[in-house]
Amino acid sequence: MAALIDAMTMSADVPWTSFLDLQEGTVIDSGVQEAEDDDDDESVSELALDPERYAEIPRLEGREEYEIMAAFAASIDDDELRERLDDALQGKGAFSRFRRVVDRDAELRDGWYAFKENELIRIARRWLAALDIEPVYELPRHEKPVVSAPVPAPKVGLFELLLLGAPDGKTELLEGRVLRQIRAKTSAEARVIFTRVARDLCRYFDVPWRKRLVEGTSRFDLELAHLAVEDELVTLGIDVPIVIWKVFC
């Protein structure tokens, strides 16, 4: 099964073809032989002439690989992590972006490899079933991976911050703004909160959300809202006219 999966996932640039020997149950890699190759190597044409014994192993198409990645992203329970994977899968270069996101966290990477192996086994078994073959193998079978975010973050959004984030429990008007703050456990967690609140602000002000609005920056300003992140601290400032402030104070 391992050899079969390797053959199915071989790059399209590899200049040989893989066959399954239906009598021996082995995988044979064959191609146009070079002069220094062993004399007993069989060429693609020789194997293809005996379809009763040799079945050419199909290579996984790019569309199928993409569908496996998309299915893995959809299986993730954490909203922020799932959104990161979904964003990586958009547009040209999706494969390399997806791998970069996965490789940033060991647990996520292990979950991806287990998920991918399960899917490849399923595809291989489907192909074998079409040949009336029920495979016997000893590869470990993985259940759906349980993957958590690299840094768990509380579900703090715009309204949680507005209601509960008064510095030192006091609401003050400082230079025309009311401040709300939250100190996260880590800078990575603070970044997650910063992104989530920025997205909530876009929804509130009816502005289309694009993740690039906060990429590479520690500030996000939208109309009367001013959001910032510094290390573990997330701060939201809201402009409040003095006449409005006096109504409440």
Protein backbone atom coordinates (compact mmCIF):
# COMPACT_ATOMS: atom_id res chain seq x y z
CA MET A 1 0.00 0.00 0.00
CA ALA A 2 2.84 2.40 0.81
CA ALA A 3 4.43 1.78 -2.61
CA LEU A 4 1.07 2.19 -4.32
CA ILE A 5 0.44 5.55 -2.60
CA ASP A 6 3.97 6.71 -3.50
CA ALA A 7 3.30 5.85 -7.15
CA MET A 8 -0.06 7.65 -7.14
CA THR A 9 1.46 10.82 -5.68
CA MET A 10 4.54 10.88 -7.91
CA SER A 11 5.22 14.25 -9.49
CA ALA A 12 4.17 14.62 -13.11
CA ASP A 13 7.80 15.52 -13.90
CA VAL A 14 9.08 12.06 -12.92
CA PRO A 15 10.01 10.34 -16.22
CA TRP A 16 8.72 6.85 -15.49
CA THR A 17 5.47 5.00 -15.15
CA SER A 18 4.42 2.74 -12.28
CA PHE A 19 2.57 -0.53 -12.68
CA LEU A 20 0.92 -2.89 -10.23
CA ASP A 21 1.88 -6.50 -10.77
CA LEU A 22 -1.51 -8.20 -10.38
CA GLN A 23 0.10 -11.59 -9.74
CA GLU A 24 2.77 -10.63 -7.22
CA GLY A 25 1.04 -7.62 -5.66
CA THR A 26 4.14 -5.47 -6.10
CA VAL A 27 4.71 -2.05 -7.64
CA ILE A 28 7.12 -1.77 -10.56
CA ASP A 29 8.58 1.55 -11.73
CA SER A 30 9.50 1.49 -15.42
CA GLY A 31 10.61 3.92 -18.06
CA VAL A 32 12.85 4.39 -21.05
CA GLN A 33 16.05 2.67 -19.94
CA GLU A 34 19.44 4.31 -20.07
CA ALA A 35 22.49 2.40 -21.28
CA GLU A 36 23.85 1.91 -17.79
CA ASP A 37 20.59 0.40 -16.46
CA ASP A 38 20.33 -3.27 -15.62
CA ASP A 39 19.58 -5.52 -18.56
CA ASP A 40 16.60 -7.11 -16.80
CA ASP A 41 14.71 -3.83 -16.30
CA GLU A 42 11.43 -3.87 -18.16
CA SER A 43 10.29 -0.87 -20.19
CA VAL A 44 6.89 0.79 -20.07
CA SER A 45 5.93 -0.67 -23.43
CA GLU A 46 6.77 -4.23 -22.34
CA LEU A 47 4.61 -3.95 -19.22
CA ALA A 48 1.77 -2.22 -21.05
CA LEU A 49 1.60 -5.11 -23.52
CA ASP A 50 0.52 -7.45 -20.72
CA PRO A 51 -2.57 -5.75 -19.18
CA GLU A 52 -3.73 -9.06 -17.73
CA ARG A 53 -0.78 -8.98 -15.36
CA TYR A 54 0.24 -5.32 -15.13
CA ALA A 55 -2.08 -2.39 -14.38
CA GLU A 56 -0.77 1.14 -14.87
CA ILE A 57 -1.13 3.08 -11.64
CA PRO A 58 -2.86 6.45 -12.19
CA ARG A 59 -1.24 9.53 -10.71
CA LEU A 60 -3.25 11.80 -8.49
CA GLU A 61 -4.52 14.85 -10.37
CA GLY A 62 -3.99 18.36 -9.05
CA ARG A 63 -7.72 18.73 -8.59
CA GLU A 64 -7.83 15.66 -6.34
CA GLU A 65 -4.90 16.90 -4.25
CA TYR A 66 -6.62 20.26 -3.86
CA GLU A 67 -9.85 18.58 -2.77
CA ILE A 68 -7.94 16.68 -0.06
CA MET A 69 -6.46 19.92 1.26
CA ALA A 70 -9.85 21.64 1.18
CA ALA A 71 -11.45 18.72 3.03
CA PHE A 72 -8.75 18.91 5.70
CA ALA A 73 -9.31 22.65 6.14
CA ALA A 74 -13.06 22.06 6.50
CA SER A 75 -12.40 19.42 9.18
CA ILE A 76 -10.69 21.91 11.51
CA ASP A 77 -12.89 23.04 14.39
CA ASP A 78 -10.95 26.18 15.30
CA ASP A 79 -12.39 29.13 13.34
CA GLU A 80 -9.17 31.14 13.07
CA LEU A 81 -7.06 28.19 11.98
CA ARG A 82 -9.67 27.04 9.48
CA GLU A 83 -9.85 30.55 8.03
CA ARG A 84 -6.06 30.64 7.66
CA LEU A 85 -6.09 27.38 5.73
CA ASP A 86 -9.03 28.54 3.59
CA ASP A 87 -7.19 31.78 2.77
CA ALA A 88 -4.08 29.80 1.80
CA LEU A 89 -6.12 27.76 -0.67
CA GLN A 90 -7.34 30.78 -2.63
CA GLY A 91 -5.76 31.54 -6.00
CA LYS A 92 -2.45 30.72 -7.60
CA GLY A 93 0.20 29.17 -5.38
CA ALA A 94 -2.38 27.53 -3.10
CA PHE A 95 -0.36 24.32 -2.66
CA SER A 96 2.80 26.03 -1.37
CA ARG A 97 0.85 28.47 0.84
CA PHE A 98 -1.13 25.62 2.35
CA ARG A 99 2.07 23.70 3.15
CA ARG A 100 3.62 26.78 4.77
CA VAL A 101 0.63 27.20 7.08
CA VAL A 102 0.65 23.51 7.98
CA ASP A 103 4.40 23.40 8.60
CA ARG A 104 4.27 26.19 11.18
CA ASP A 105 2.83 23.87 13.82
CA ALA A 106 3.92 20.29 14.57
CA GLU A 107 0.49 19.15 15.76
CA LEU A 108 -1.24 20.58 12.71
CA ARG A 109 1.39 19.03 10.44
CA ASP A 110 0.93 15.60 12.04
CA GLY A 111 -2.83 15.92 11.70
CA TRP A 112 -2.49 16.84 8.03
CA TYR A 113 -0.24 13.87 7.24
CA ALA A 114 -2.62 11.47 9.00
CA PHE A 115 -5.63 12.96 7.19
CA LYS A 116 -3.87 12.89 3.82
CA GLU A 117 -2.78 9.27 4.28
CA ASN A 118 -6.35 8.23 5.08
CA GLU A 119 -7.62 9.97 1.96
CA LEU A 120 -4.91 8.44 -0.23
CA ILE A 121 -5.68 4.98 1.12
CA ARG A 122 -9.35 5.57 0.31
CA ILE A 123 -8.48 6.59 -3.27
CA ALA A 124 -6.11 3.63 -3.66
CA ARG A 125 -8.72 1.18 -2.34
CA ARG A 126 -11.28 2.59 -4.77
CA TRP A 127 -8.89 2.01 -7.68
CA LEU A 128 -8.11 -1.50 -6.46
CA ALA A 129 -11.81 -2.25 -6.08
CA ALA A 130 -12.28 -1.42 -9.76
CA LEU A 131 -9.75 -4.20 -10.42
CA ASP A 132 -11.67 -6.57 -8.11
CA ILE A 133 -8.83 -6.49 -5.59
CA GLU A 134 -9.35 -6.41 -1.84
CA PRO A 135 -5.97 -5.29 -0.45
CA VAL A 136 -4.27 -6.69 2.63
CA TYR A 137 -1.77 -4.34 4.23
CA GLU A 138 -0.43 -3.23 7.61
CA LEU A 139 -0.35 0.54 7.38
CA PRO A 140 -1.67 2.28 10.51
CA ARG A 141 -5.18 3.61 10.04
CA HIS A 142 -5.86 7.10 11.36
CA GLU A 143 -9.15 8.49 12.48
CA LYS A 144 -10.11 12.08 11.72
CA PRO A 145 -7.34 14.16 13.32
CA VAL A 146 -8.14 16.33 16.28
CA VAL A 147 -6.28 19.56 15.63
CA SER A 148 -6.19 22.60 17.86
CA ALA A 149 -4.89 26.05 17.07
CA PRO A 150 -1.17 26.54 17.61
CA VAL A 151 -2.05 29.08 20.27
CA PRO A 152 -5.54 28.76 21.76
CA ALA A 153 -7.32 32.11 21.93
CA PRO A 154 -10.50 33.06 23.76
CA LYS A 155 -13.46 34.00 21.61
CA VAL A 156 -13.09 37.72 22.27
CA GLY A 157 -14.66 39.92 19.63
CA LEU A 158 -15.76 43.52 19.26
CA PHE A 159 -18.64 43.52 21.71
CA GLU A 160 -16.84 41.54 24.40
CA LEU A 161 -14.05 44.08 24.24
CA LEU A 162 -16.45 47.04 24.32
CA LEU A 163 -18.42 45.70 27.29
CA LEU A 164 -15.67 44.27 29.46
CA GLY A 165 -12.39 45.84 28.44
CA ALA A 166 -12.32 49.09 30.40
CA PRO A 167 -8.74 49.63 31.63
CA ASP A 168 -8.60 49.02 35.39
CA GLY A 169 -12.38 48.61 35.30
CA LYS A 170 -12.91 52.34 34.69
CA THR A 171 -14.35 54.09 31.65
CA GLU A 172 -12.63 57.41 30.95
CA LEU A 173 -12.53 59.86 28.07
CA LEU A 174 -8.87 60.34 27.16
CA GLU A 175 -8.11 62.85 24.42
CA GLY A 176 -11.55 62.36 22.93
CA ARG A 177 -11.49 58.56 23.02
CA VAL A 178 -12.84 55.82 25.20
CA LEU A 179 -10.37 52.94 25.47
CA ARG A 180 -10.97 49.22 25.79
CA GLN A 181 -8.16 46.74 26.33
CA ILE A 182 -7.42 43.08 26.75
CA ARG A 183 -4.10 41.50 27.68
CA ALA A 184 -3.68 38.11 26.06
CA LYS A 185 -1.50 35.30 27.34
CA THR A 186 0.86 35.53 24.37
CA SER A 187 1.56 37.89 21.50
CA ALA A 188 0.27 35.25 19.07
CA GLU A 189 -3.03 35.10 20.96
CA ALA A 190 -3.21 38.90 20.95
CA ARG A 191 -2.77 38.83 17.19
CA VAL A 192 -5.71 36.45 16.84
CA ILE A 193 -7.91 38.79 18.92
CA PHE A 194 -6.69 41.83 16.94
CA THR A 195 -7.69 40.15 13.67
CA ARG A 196 -11.07 39.02 14.99
CA VAL A 197 -11.99 42.49 16.32
CA ALA A 198 -10.89 44.09 13.02
CA ARG A 199 -13.21 41.71 11.18
CA ASP A 200 -16.07 42.55 13.56
CA LEU A 201 -15.49 46.26 12.95
CA CYS A 202 -15.73 45.73 9.19
CA ARG A 203 -19.03 43.95 9.66
CA TYR A 204 -20.33 46.68 11.95
CA PHE A 205 -19.41 49.48 9.53
CA ASP A 206 -20.50 47.42 6.50
CA VAL A 207 -17.03 47.33 4.97
CA PRO A 208 -15.92 44.23 3.02
CA TRP A 209 -13.51 42.18 5.10
CA ARG A 210 -10.13 41.30 3.62
CA LYS A 211 -7.46 39.69 5.75
CA ARG A 212 -4.83 41.77 3.99
CA LEU A 213 -6.25 44.82 5.84
CA VAL A 214 -4.38 43.72 8.96
CA GLU A 215 -1.47 41.75 7.52
CA GLY A 216 1.92 43.24 8.34
CA THR A 217 0.50 45.99 10.55
CA SER A 218 -0.21 46.50 14.23
CA ARG A 219 -2.91 49.15 13.68
CA PHE A 220 -6.34 49.17 12.10
CA ASP A 221 -8.35 52.40 11.81
CA LEU A 222 -11.92 52.46 10.57
CA GLU A 223 -14.10 55.56 10.91
CA LEU A 224 -14.32 56.28 14.66
CA ALA A 225 -12.61 53.04 15.72
CA HIS A 226 -8.85 52.71 16.25
CA LEU A 227 -7.49 49.23 16.93
CA ALA A 228 -3.92 48.40 17.88
CA VAL A 229 -1.89 45.42 19.07
CA GLU A 230 1.43 45.61 20.89
CA ASP A 231 2.97 42.44 22.26
CA GLU A 232 0.22 40.85 24.40
CA LEU A 233 -1.95 43.99 24.61
CA VAL A 234 -4.88 44.73 22.29
CA THR A 235 -6.33 48.24 22.52
CA LEU A 236 -9.48 49.61 20.92
CA GLY A 237 -10.08 53.36 20.96
CA ILE A 238 -13.49 54.78 20.04
CA ASP A 239 -13.84 58.49 19.24
CA VAL A 240 -16.57 59.99 21.45
CA PRO A 241 -17.69 63.64 21.08
CA ILE A 242 -17.71 65.48 24.37
CA VAL A 243 -21.44 66.23 24.06
CA ILE A 244 -22.16 62.50 23.91
CA TRP A 245 -19.82 61.83 26.83
CA LYS A 246 -21.70 64.35 28.99
CA VAL A 247 -24.99 62.57 28.32
CA PHE A 248 -23.66 59.48 30.11
CA CYS A 249 -21.53 61.14 32.78
